[in-house]
Amino acid sequence: MSQLTHCPSCGDKIMPDPADFKETRTAAGLTQRDMAKLLGVKASHVAYLESGLRHPSGELILKFNAVRDKLAARTERKAVRTLKQVHKRMQQQNKRRPKSKVKKAA
């Protein structure tokens, strides 16, 4: 029996590839054990999913999509916070710099 990976009606991808599992996990800086806790499965099952030896159930696909969205939102918030910190530091450095006293030629 072949696995249904794309929606027969619209063609959207419905099953994550093994690479999707690993990319999502590593981008968030999680171990297989951490990802397993979030998905409610064993770490060995995550390893099997990442290697393509097992296919996720429909319930696991839904959990994975929810976890991926949550991790993406957390990563986005962290990036925005970092940008704000960099901007604030730059403003502070600009305030500390003495203004140049170059005389204009008359």
PDB file of N, CA and C in Angstrom:
ATOM      1  N   MET A   1       0.846  -1.175   0.000  1.00  0.00           N
ATOM      2  CA  MET A   1       0.000   0.000   0.000  1.00  0.00           C
ATOM      3  C   MET A   1       0.890   1.238   0.000  1.00  0.00           C
ATOM      4  N   SER A   2       0.640   2.162  -0.900  1.00  0.00           N
ATOM      5  CA  SER A   2       1.447   3.374  -0.977  1.00  0.00           C
ATOM      6  C   SER A   2       0.912   4.408   0.004  1.00  0.00           C
ATOM      7  N   GLN A   3       1.826   5.261   0.489  1.00  0.00           N
ATOM      8  CA  GLN A   3       1.464   6.319   1.419  1.00  0.00           C
ATOM      9  C   GLN A   3       0.928   7.521   0.651  1.00  0.00           C
ATOM     10  N   LEU A   4      -0.110   8.119   1.169  1.00  0.00           N
ATOM     11  CA  LEU A   4      -0.681   9.318   0.580  1.00  0.00           C
ATOM     12  C   LEU A   4       0.104  10.507   1.120  1.00  0.00           C
ATOM     13  N   THR A   5       0.905  11.145   0.266  1.00  0.00           N
ATOM     14  CA  THR A   5       1.758  12.245   0.714  1.00  0.00           C
ATOM     15  C   THR A   5       1.200  13.611   0.348  1.00  0.00           C
ATOM     16  N   HIS A   6       0.344  13.675  -0.675  1.00  0.00           N
ATOM     17  CA  HIS A   6      -0.246  14.936  -1.120  1.00  0.00           C
ATOM     18  C   HIS A   6      -1.761  14.787  -1.224  1.00  0.00           C
ATOM     19  N   CYS A   7      -2.445  15.886  -1.022  1.00  0.00           N
ATOM     20  CA  CYS A   7      -3.906  15.892  -1.101  1.00  0.00           C
ATOM     21  C   CYS A   7      -4.329  15.590  -2.536  1.00  0.00           C
ATOM     22  N   PRO A   8      -5.211  14.617  -2.728  1.00  0.00           N
ATOM     23  CA  PRO A   8      -5.647  14.293  -4.083  1.00  0.00           C
ATOM     24  C   PRO A   8      -6.444  15.427  -4.736  1.00  0.00           C
ATOM     25  N   SER A   9      -7.093  16.269  -3.933  1.00  0.00           N
ATOM     26  CA  SER A   9      -7.902  17.362  -4.484  1.00  0.00           C
ATOM     27  C   SER A   9      -7.077  18.574  -4.889  1.00  0.00           C
ATOM     28  N   CYS A  10      -6.272  19.075  -3.941  1.00  0.00           N
ATOM     29  CA  CYS A  10      -5.567  20.340  -4.206  1.00  0.00           C
ATOM     30  C   CYS A  10      -4.078  20.159  -4.464  1.00  0.00           C
ATOM     31  N   GLY A  11      -3.525  19.010  -4.119  1.00  0.00           N
ATOM     32  CA  GLY A  11      -2.112  18.759  -4.357  1.00  0.00           C
ATOM     33  C   GLY A  11      -1.189  19.245  -3.256  1.00  0.00           C
ATOM     34  N   ASP A  12      -1.744  19.844  -2.176  1.00  0.00           N
ATOM     35  CA  ASP A  12      -0.914  20.297  -1.058  1.00  0.00           C
ATOM     36  C   ASP A  12      -0.273  19.106  -0.358  1.00  0.00           C
ATOM     37  N   LYS A  13       0.927  19.333   0.123  1.00  0.00           N
ATOM     38  CA  LYS A  13       1.658  18.294   0.839  1.00  0.00           C
ATOM     39  C   LYS A  13       1.015  18.075   2.200  1.00  0.00           C
ATOM     40  N   ILE A  14       0.682  16.823   2.514  1.00  0.00           N
ATOM     41  CA  ILE A  14       0.042  16.539   3.794  1.00  0.00           C
ATOM     42  C   ILE A  14       0.923  15.692   4.703  1.00  0.00           C
ATOM     43  N   MET A  15       1.926  15.028   4.150  1.00  0.00           N
ATOM     44  CA  MET A  15       2.811  14.209   4.972  1.00  0.00           C
ATOM     45  C   MET A  15       4.214  14.798   4.958  1.00  0.00           C
ATOM     46  N   PRO A  16       4.764  15.093   6.141  1.00  0.00           N
ATOM     47  CA  PRO A  16       6.119  15.620   6.170  1.00  0.00           C
ATOM     48  C   PRO A  16       7.140  14.578   5.720  1.00  0.00           C
ATOM     49  N   ASP A  17       8.166  15.032   5.027  1.00  0.00           N
ATOM     50  CA  ASP A  17       9.274  14.159   4.633  1.00  0.00           C
ATOM     51  C   ASP A  17      10.143  13.886   5.853  1.00  0.00           C
ATOM     52  N   PRO A  18      10.966  12.838   5.787  1.00  0.00           N
ATOM     53  CA  PRO A  18      11.913  12.616   6.883  1.00  0.00           C
ATOM     54  C   PRO A  18      12.795  13.846   7.127  1.00  0.00           C
ATOM     55  N   ALA A  19      13.177  14.543   6.067  1.00  0.00           N
ATOM     56  CA  ALA A  19      14.008  15.746   6.214  1.00  0.00           C
ATOM     57  C   ALA A  19      13.260  16.850   6.947  1.00  0.00           C
ATOM     58  N   ASP A  20      11.936  16.926   6.770  1.00  0.00           N
ATOM     59  CA  ASP A  20      11.134  17.937   7.464  1.00  0.00           C
ATOM     60  C   ASP A  20      11.217  17.755   8.977  1.00  0.00           C
ATOM     61  N   PHE A  21      11.165  16.493   9.410  1.00  0.00           N
ATOM     62  CA  PHE A  21      11.252  16.209  10.844  1.00  0.00           C
ATOM     63  C   PHE A  21      12.596  16.679  11.396  1.00  0.00           C
ATOM     64  N   LYS A  22      13.656  16.304  10.714  1.00  0.00           N
ATOM     65  CA  LYS A  22      14.992  16.649  11.203  1.00  0.00           C
ATOM     66  C   LYS A  22      15.263  18.146  11.123  1.00  0.00           C
ATOM     67  N   GLU A  23      14.886  18.790  10.019  1.00  0.00           N
ATOM     68  CA  GLU A  23      15.112  20.233   9.867  1.00  0.00           C
ATOM     69  C   GLU A  23      14.375  21.026  10.939  1.00  0.00           C
ATOM     70  N   THR A  24      13.144  20.649  11.212  1.00  0.00           N
ATOM     71  CA  THR A  24      12.358  21.344  12.230  1.00  0.00           C
ATOM     72  C   THR A  24      13.013  21.192  13.597  1.00  0.00           C
ATOM     73  N   ARG A  25      13.427  19.986  13.901  1.00  0.00           N
ATOM     74  CA  ARG A  25      14.044  19.703  15.203  1.00  0.00           C
ATOM     75  C   ARG A  25      15.364  20.445  15.366  1.00  0.00           C
ATOM     76  N   THR A  26      16.238  20.352  14.370  1.00  0.00           N
ATOM     77  CA  THR A  26      17.558  20.976  14.487  1.00  0.00           C
ATOM     78  C   THR A  26      17.474  22.499  14.449  1.00  0.00           C
ATOM     79  N   ALA A  27      16.546  23.047  13.672  1.00  0.00           N
ATOM     80  CA  ALA A  27      16.390  24.507  13.619  1.00  0.00           C
ATOM     81  C   ALA A  27      15.979  25.071  14.972  1.00  0.00           C
ATOM     82  N   ALA A  28      15.234  24.289  15.728  1.00  0.00           N
ATOM     83  CA  ALA A  28      14.790  24.726  17.049  1.00  0.00           C
ATOM     84  C   ALA A  28      15.817  24.391  18.127  1.00  0.00           C
ATOM     85  N   GLY A  29      16.876  23.682  17.737  1.00  0.00           N
ATOM     86  CA  GLY A  29      17.918  23.316  18.700  1.00  0.00           C
ATOM     87  C   GLY A  29      17.482  22.227  19.662  1.00  0.00           C
ATOM     88  N   LEU A  30      16.617  21.340  19.195  1.00  0.00           N
ATOM     89  CA  LEU A  30      16.106  20.273  20.043  1.00  0.00           C
ATOM     90  C   LEU A  30      16.813  18.951  19.759  1.00  0.00           C
ATOM     91  N   THR A  31      16.881  18.108  20.760  1.00  0.00           N
ATOM     92  CA  THR A  31      17.381  16.744  20.570  1.00  0.00           C
ATOM     93  C   THR A  31      16.198  15.877  20.135  1.00  0.00           C
ATOM     94  N   GLN A  32      16.492  14.653  19.722  1.00  0.00           N
ATOM     95  CA  GLN A  32      15.410  13.739  19.357  1.00  0.00           C
ATOM     96  C   GLN A  32      14.543  13.446  20.577  1.00  0.00           C
ATOM     97  N   ARG A  33      15.164  13.401  21.734  1.00  0.00           N
ATOM     98  CA  ARG A  33      14.420  13.150  22.973  1.00  0.00           C
ATOM     99  C   ARG A  33      13.467  14.311  23.274  1.00  0.00           C
ATOM    100  N   ASP A  34      13.946  15.556  23.071  1.00  0.00           N
ATOM    101  CA  ASP A  34      13.097  16.729  23.290  1.00  0.00           C
ATOM    102  C   ASP A  34      11.894  16.719  22.340  1.00  0.00           C
ATOM    103  N   MET A  35      12.167  16.436  21.068  1.00  0.00           N
ATOM    104  CA  MET A  35      11.096  16.401  20.071  1.00  0.00           C
ATOM    105  C   MET A  35      10.102  15.290  20.395  1.00  0.00           C
ATOM    106  N   ALA A  36      10.613  14.165  20.864  1.00  0.00           N
ATOM    107  CA  ALA A  36       9.739  13.046  21.222  1.00  0.00           C
ATOM    108  C   ALA A  36       8.774  13.445  22.335  1.00  0.00           C
ATOM    109  N   LYS A  37       9.263  14.202  23.322  1.00  0.00           N
ATOM    110  CA  LYS A  37       8.397  14.647  24.416  1.00  0.00           C
ATOM    111  C   LYS A  37       7.291  15.559  23.884  1.00  0.00           C
ATOM    112  N   LEU A  38       7.655  16.441  22.965  1.00  0.00           N
ATOM    113  CA  LEU A  38       6.652  17.352  22.401  1.00  0.00           C
ATOM    114  C   LEU A  38       5.601  16.604  21.587  1.00  0.00           C
ATOM    115  N   LEU A  39       6.030  15.542  20.904  1.00  0.00           N
ATOM    116  CA  LEU A  39       5.101  14.784  20.057  1.00  0.00           C
ATOM    117  C   LEU A  39       4.383  13.666  20.807  1.00  0.00           C
ATOM    118  N   GLY A  40       4.865  13.327  21.991  1.00  0.00           N
ATOM    119  CA  GLY A  40       4.243  12.257  22.762  1.00  0.00           C
ATOM    120  C   GLY A  40       4.615  10.869  22.263  1.00  0.00           C
ATOM    121  N   VAL A  41       5.830  10.726  21.733  1.00  0.00           N
ATOM    122  CA  VAL A  41       6.312   9.421  21.266  1.00  0.00           C
ATOM    123  C   VAL A  41       7.695   9.188  21.871  1.00  0.00           C
ATOM    124  N   LYS A  42       8.287   8.029  21.583  1.00  0.00           N
ATOM    125  CA  LYS A  42       9.630   7.724  22.069  1.00  0.00           C
ATOM    126  C   LYS A  42      10.677   8.342  21.143  1.00  0.00           C
ATOM    127  N   ALA A  43      11.857   8.576  21.703  1.00  0.00           N
ATOM    128  CA  ALA A  43      12.954   9.155  20.923  1.00  0.00           C
ATOM    129  C   ALA A  43      13.331   8.250  19.759  1.00  0.00           C
ATOM    130  N   SER A  44      13.232   6.947  19.950  1.00  0.00           N
ATOM    131  CA  SER A  44      13.564   6.022  18.869  1.00  0.00           C
ATOM    132  C   SER A  44      12.589   6.177  17.701  1.00  0.00           C
ATOM    133  N   HIS A  45      11.341   6.509  18.008  1.00  0.00           N
ATOM    134  CA  HIS A  45      10.356   6.712  16.944  1.00  0.00           C
ATOM    135  C   HIS A  45      10.699   7.956  16.125  1.00  0.00           C
ATOM    136  N   VAL A  46      11.166   9.012  16.806  1.00  0.00           N
ATOM    137  CA  VAL A  46      11.601  10.220  16.103  1.00  0.00           C
ATOM    138  C   VAL A  46      12.770   9.875  15.188  1.00  0.00           C
ATOM    139  N   ALA A  47      13.705   9.062  15.673  1.00  0.00           N
ATOM    140  CA  ALA A  47      14.846   8.651  14.848  1.00  0.00           C
ATOM    141  C   ALA A  47      14.368   7.877  13.618  1.00  0.00           C
ATOM    142  N   TYR A  48      13.397   7.005  13.803  1.00  0.00           N
ATOM    143  CA  TYR A  48      12.846   6.245  12.675  1.00  0.00           C
ATOM    144  C   TYR A  48      12.163   7.176  11.670  1.00  0.00           C
ATOM    145  N   LEU A  49      11.422   8.173  12.167  1.00  0.00           N
ATOM    146  CA  LEU A  49      10.746   9.125  11.279  1.00  0.00           C
ATOM    147  C   LEU A  49      11.765   9.928  10.481  1.00  0.00           C
ATOM    148  N   GLU A  50      12.843  10.361  11.142  1.00  0.00           N
ATOM    149  CA  GLU A  50      13.870  11.154  10.469  1.00  0.00           C
ATOM    150  C   GLU A  50      14.645  10.353   9.434  1.00  0.00           C
ATOM    151  N   SER A  51      14.767   9.065   9.665  1.00  0.00           N
ATOM    152  CA  SER A  51      15.501   8.224   8.721  1.00  0.00           C
ATOM    153  C   SER A  51      14.595   7.660   7.626  1.00  0.00           C
ATOM    154  N   GLY A  52      13.296   7.829   7.770  1.00  0.00           N
ATOM    155  CA  GLY A  52      12.356   7.333   6.769  1.00  0.00           C
ATOM    156  C   GLY A  52      11.980   5.868   6.955  1.00  0.00           C
ATOM    157  N   LEU A  53      12.395   5.264   8.069  1.00  0.00           N
ATOM    158  CA  LEU A  53      12.053   3.858   8.321  1.00  0.00           C
ATOM    159  C   LEU A  53      10.612   3.681   8.792  1.00  0.00           C
ATOM    160  N   ARG A  54      10.022   4.744   9.295  1.00  0.00           N
ATOM    161  CA  ARG A  54       8.622   4.724   9.725  1.00  0.00           C
ATOM    162  C   ARG A  54       7.903   5.918   9.114  1.00  0.00           C
ATOM    163  N   HIS A  55       6.600   5.763   8.942  1.00  0.00           N
ATOM    164  CA  HIS A  55       5.755   6.846   8.441  1.00  0.00           C
ATOM    165  C   HIS A  55       4.855   7.309   9.575  1.00  0.00           C
ATOM    166  N   PRO A  56       4.625   8.605   9.690  1.00  0.00           N
ATOM    167  CA  PRO A  56       3.793   9.108  10.787  1.00  0.00           C
ATOM    168  C   PRO A  56       2.316   8.798  10.567  1.00  0.00           C
ATOM    169  N   SER A  57       1.623   8.595  11.661  1.00  0.00           N
ATOM    170  CA  SER A  57       0.174   8.407  11.596  1.00  0.00           C
ATOM    171  C   SER A  57      -0.473   9.767  11.358  1.00  0.00           C
ATOM    172  N   GLY A  58      -1.746   9.756  11.056  1.00  0.00           N
ATOM    173  CA  GLY A  58      -2.471  11.008  10.849  1.00  0.00           C
ATOM    174  C   GLY A  58      -2.445  11.876  12.098  1.00  0.00           C
ATOM    175  N   GLU A  59      -2.608  11.247  13.258  1.00  0.00           N
ATOM    176  CA  GLU A  59      -2.581  11.979  14.523  1.00  0.00           C
ATOM    177  C   GLU A  59      -1.206  12.602  14.763  1.00  0.00           C
ATOM    178  N   LEU A  60      -0.154  11.870  14.441  1.00  0.00           N
ATOM    179  CA  LEU A  60       1.199  12.378  14.635  1.00  0.00           C
ATOM    180  C   LEU A  60       1.501  13.525  13.668  1.00  0.00           C
ATOM    181  N   ILE A  61       0.971  13.450  12.471  1.00  0.00           N
ATOM    182  CA  ILE A  61       1.157  14.546  11.503  1.00  0.00           C
ATOM    183  C   ILE A  61       0.524  15.824  12.052  1.00  0.00           C
ATOM    184  N   LEU A  62      -0.674  15.709  12.624  1.00  0.00           N
ATOM    185  CA  LEU A  62      -1.339  16.876  13.203  1.00  0.00           C
ATOM    186  C   LEU A  62      -0.532  17.445  14.367  1.00  0.00           C
ATOM    187  N   LYS A  63      -0.014  16.557  15.231  1.00  0.00           N
ATOM    188  CA  LYS A  63       0.815  17.011  16.349  1.00  0.00           C
ATOM    189  C   LYS A  63       2.085  17.684  15.839  1.00  0.00           C
ATOM    190  N   PHE A  64       2.710  17.079  14.829  1.00  0.00           N
ATOM    191  CA  PHE A  64       3.946  17.622  14.278  1.00  0.00           C
ATOM    192  C   PHE A  64       3.704  19.023  13.706  1.00  0.00           C
ATOM    193  N   ASN A  65       2.620  19.202  12.968  1.00  0.00           N
ATOM    194  CA  ASN A  65       2.306  20.517  12.397  1.00  0.00           C
ATOM    195  C   ASN A  65       2.097  21.562  13.491  1.00  0.00           C
ATOM    196  N   ALA A  66       1.423  21.169  14.573  1.00  0.00           N
ATOM    197  CA  ALA A  66       1.198  22.097  15.686  1.00  0.00           C
ATOM    198  C   ALA A  66       2.522  22.459  16.362  1.00  0.00           C
ATOM    199  N   VAL A  67       3.371  21.465  16.581  1.00  0.00           N
ATOM    200  CA  VAL A  67       4.674  21.706  17.209  1.00  0.00           C
ATOM    201  C   VAL A  67       5.536  22.576  16.303  1.00  0.00           C
ATOM    202  N   ARG A  68       5.534  22.298  15.009  1.00  0.00           N
ATOM    203  CA  ARG A  68       6.337  23.076  14.057  1.00  0.00           C
ATOM    204  C   ARG A  68       5.894  24.545  14.053  1.00  0.00           C
ATOM    205  N   ASP A  69       4.580  24.775  14.065  1.00  0.00           N
ATOM    206  CA  ASP A  69       4.071  26.147  14.096  1.00  0.00           C
ATOM    207  C   ASP A  69       4.474  26.854  15.389  1.00  0.00           C
ATOM    208  N   LYS A  70       4.384  26.139  16.503  1.00  0.00           N
ATOM    209  CA  LYS A  70       4.749  26.705  17.800  1.00  0.00           C
ATOM    210  C   LYS A  70       6.238  27.054  17.833  1.00  0.00           C
ATOM    211  N   LEU A  71       7.088  26.157  17.328  1.00  0.00           N
ATOM    212  CA  LEU A  71       8.527  26.402  17.307  1.00  0.00           C
ATOM    213  C   LEU A  71       8.876  27.552  16.372  1.00  0.00           C
ATOM    214  N   ALA A  72       8.189  27.645  15.245  1.00  0.00           N
ATOM    215  CA  ALA A  72       8.442  28.733  14.299  1.00  0.00           C
ATOM    216  C   ALA A  72       8.068  30.076  14.920  1.00  0.00           C
ATOM    217  N   ALA A  73       6.956  30.116  15.623  1.00  0.00           N
ATOM    218  CA  ALA A  73       6.536  31.357  16.279  1.00  0.00           C
ATOM    219  C   ALA A  73       7.535  31.757  17.358  1.00  0.00           C
ATOM    220  N   ARG A  74       8.030  30.773  18.105  1.00  0.00           N
ATOM    221  CA  ARG A  74       9.012  31.055  19.155  1.00  0.00           C
ATOM    222  C   ARG A  74      10.308  31.570  18.544  1.00  0.00           C
ATOM    223  N   THR A  75      10.745  30.984  17.442  1.00  0.00           N
ATOM    224  CA  THR A  75      11.957  31.421  16.765  1.00  0.00           C
ATOM    225  C   THR A  75      11.791  32.831  16.224  1.00  0.00           C
ATOM    226  N   GLU A  76      10.613  33.127  15.683  1.00  0.00           N
ATOM    227  CA  GLU A  76      10.346  34.460  15.152  1.00  0.00           C
ATOM    228  C   GLU A  76      10.357  35.508  16.264  1.00  0.00           C
ATOM    229  N   ARG A  77       9.730  35.191  17.399  1.00  0.00           N
ATOM    230  CA  ARG A  77       9.731  36.124  18.532  1.00  0.00           C
ATOM    231  C   ARG A  77      11.149  36.375  19.025  1.00  0.00           C
ATOM    232  N   LYS A  78      11.955  35.327  19.062  1.00  0.00           N
ATOM    233  CA  LYS A  78      13.338  35.452  19.506  1.00  0.00           C
ATOM    234  C   LYS A  78      14.131  36.336  18.546  1.00  0.00           C
ATOM    235  N   ALA A  79      13.910  36.187  17.256  1.00  0.00           N
ATOM    236  CA  ALA A  79      14.612  37.007  16.263  1.00  0.00           C
ATOM    237  C   ALA A  79      14.224  38.472  16.390  1.00  0.00           C
ATOM    238  N   VAL A  80      12.954  38.745  16.606  1.00  0.00           N
ATOM    239  CA  VAL A  80      12.488  40.120  16.767  1.00  0.00           C
ATOM    240  C   VAL A  80      13.089  40.725  18.032  1.00  0.00           C
ATOM    241  N   ARG A  81      13.116  39.960  19.103  1.00  0.00           N
ATOM    242  CA  ARG A  81      13.689  40.434  20.358  1.00  0.00           C
ATOM    243  C   ARG A  81      15.176  40.751  20.183  1.00  0.00           C
ATOM    244  N   THR A  82      15.884  39.906  19.453  1.00  0.00           N
ATOM    245  CA  THR A  82      17.303  40.134  19.194  1.00  0.00           C
ATOM    246  C   THR A  82      17.511  41.398  18.374  1.00  0.00           C
ATOM    247  N   LEU A  83      16.697  41.604  17.348  1.00  0.00           N
ATOM    248  CA  LEU A  83      16.801  42.819  16.542  1.00  0.00           C
ATOM    249  C   LEU A  83      16.547  44.073  17.376  1.00  0.00           C
ATOM    250  N   LYS A  84      15.573  44.003  18.262  1.00  0.00           N
ATOM    251  CA  LYS A  84      15.281  45.139  19.126  1.00  0.00           C
ATOM    252  C   LYS A  84      16.466  45.437  20.045  1.00  0.00           C
ATOM    253  N   GLN A  85      17.116  44.393  20.560  1.00  0.00           N
ATOM    254  CA  GLN A  85      18.267  44.570  21.433  1.00  0.00           C
ATOM    255  C   GLN A  85      19.431  45.199  20.670  1.00  0.00           C
ATOM    256  N   VAL A  86      19.661  44.743  19.456  1.00  0.00           N
ATOM    257  CA  VAL A  86      20.737  45.299  18.637  1.00  0.00           C
ATOM    258  C   VAL A  86      20.462  46.765  18.338  1.00  0.00           C
ATOM    259  N   HIS A  87      19.228  47.087  17.992  1.00  0.00           N
ATOM    260  CA  HIS A  87      18.850  48.468  17.696  1.00  0.00           C
ATOM    261  C   HIS A  87      19.056  49.348  18.927  1.00  0.00           C
ATOM    262  N   LYS A  88      18.651  48.875  20.083  1.00  0.00           N
ATOM    263  CA  LYS A  88      18.798  49.641  21.318  1.00  0.00           C
ATOM    264  C   LYS A  88      20.278  49.889  21.618  1.00  0.00           C
ATOM    265  N   ARG A  89      21.120  48.863  21.449  1.00  0.00           N
ATOM    266  CA  ARG A  89      22.560  49.013  21.669  1.00  0.00           C
ATOM    267  C   ARG A  89      23.169  50.039  20.722  1.00  0.00           C
ATOM    268  N   MET A  90      22.740  50.004  19.472  1.00  0.00           N
ATOM    269  CA  MET A  90      23.257  50.952  18.486  1.00  0.00           C
ATOM    270  C   MET A  90      22.870  52.379  18.867  1.00  0.00           C
ATOM    271  N   GLN A  91      21.644  52.560  19.334  1.00  0.00           N
ATOM    272  CA  GLN A  91      21.205  53.887  19.761  1.00  0.00           C
ATOM    273  C   GLN A  91      22.030  54.381  20.944  1.00  0.00           C
ATOM    274  N   GLN A  92      22.306  53.490  21.892  1.00  0.00           N
ATOM    275  CA  GLN A  92      23.106  53.863  23.056  1.00  0.00           C
ATOM    276  C   GLN A  92      24.524  54.241  22.645  1.00  0.00           C
ATOM    277  N   GLN A  93      25.095  53.502  21.706  1.00  0.00           N
ATOM    278  CA  GLN A  93      26.446  53.801  21.243  1.00  0.00           C
ATOM    279  C   GLN A  93      26.483  55.145  20.520  1.00  0.00           C
ATOM    280  N   ASN A  94      25.454  55.437  19.752  1.00  0.00           N
ATOM    281  CA  ASN A  94      25.397  56.714  19.037  1.00  0.00           C
ATOM    282  C   ASN A  94      25.291  57.890  20.007  1.00  0.00           C
ATOM    283  N   LYS A  95      24.624  57.718  21.130  1.00  0.00           N
ATOM    284  CA  LYS A  95      24.497  58.784  22.122  1.00  0.00           C
ATOM    285  C   LYS A  95      25.841  59.055  22.798  1.00  0.00           C
ATOM    286  N   ARG A  96      26.650  58.021  22.966  1.00  0.00           N
ATOM    287  CA  ARG A  96      27.938  58.157  23.643  1.00  0.00           C
ATOM    288  C   ARG A  96      29.002  58.813  22.776  1.00  0.00           C
ATOM    289  N   ARG A  97      28.889  58.682  21.480  1.00  0.00           N
ATOM    290  CA  ARG A  97      29.901  59.227  20.578  1.00  0.00           C
ATOM    291  C   ARG A  97      29.860  60.752  20.578  1.00  0.00           C
ATOM    292  N   PRO A  98      31.030  61.378  20.710  1.00  0.00           N
ATOM    293  CA  PRO A  98      31.037  62.841  20.641  1.00  0.00           C
ATOM    294  C   PRO A  98      30.779  63.297  19.210  1.00  0.00           C
ATOM    295  N   LYS A  99      30.076  64.366  19.089  1.00  0.00           N
ATOM    296  CA  LYS A  99      29.783  64.908  17.767  1.00  0.00           C
ATOM    297  C   LYS A  99      31.044  65.551  17.239  1.00  0.00           C
ATOM    298  N   SER A 100      31.303  65.392  15.963  1.00  0.00           N
ATOM    299  CA  SER A 100      32.503  65.977  15.387  1.00  0.00           C
ATOM    300  C   SER A 100      32.349  67.487  15.307  1.00  0.00           C
ATOM    301  N   LYS A 101      33.437  68.173  15.549  1.00  0.00           N
ATOM    302  CA  LYS A 101      33.410  69.635  15.562  1.00  0.00           C
ATOM    303  C   LYS A 101      34.172  70.150  14.340  1.00  0.00           C
ATOM    304  N   VAL A 102      33.669  69.836  13.200  1.00  0.00           N
ATOM    305  CA  VAL A 102      34.279  70.280  11.964  1.00  0.00           C
ATOM    306  C   VAL A 102      33.694  71.627  11.607  1.00  0.00           C
ATOM    307  N   LYS A 103      34.577  72.596  11.386  1.00  0.00           N
ATOM    308  CA  LYS A 103      34.125  73.951  11.041  1.00  0.00           C
ATOM    309  C   LYS A 103      33.855  74.021   9.552  1.00  0.00           C
ATOM    310  N   LYS A 104      32.791  74.659   9.241  1.00  0.00           N
ATOM    311  CA  LYS A 104      32.435  74.822   7.826  1.00  0.00           C
ATOM    312  C   LYS A 104      33.267  75.958   7.247  1.00  0.00           C
ATOM    313  N   ALA A 105      33.715  75.762   6.044  1.00  0.00           N
ATOM    314  CA  ALA A 105      34.491  76.808   5.375  1.00  0.00           C
ATOM    315  C   ALA A 105      33.557  77.938   4.941  1.00  0.00           C
ATOM    316  N   ALA A 106      34.002  79.154   5.145  1.00  0.00           N
ATOM    317  CA  ALA A 106      33.146  80.303   4.817  1.00  0.00           C
ATOM    318  C   ALA A 106      33.390  80.796   3.425  1.00  0.00           C
TER     319      ALA A 106
END
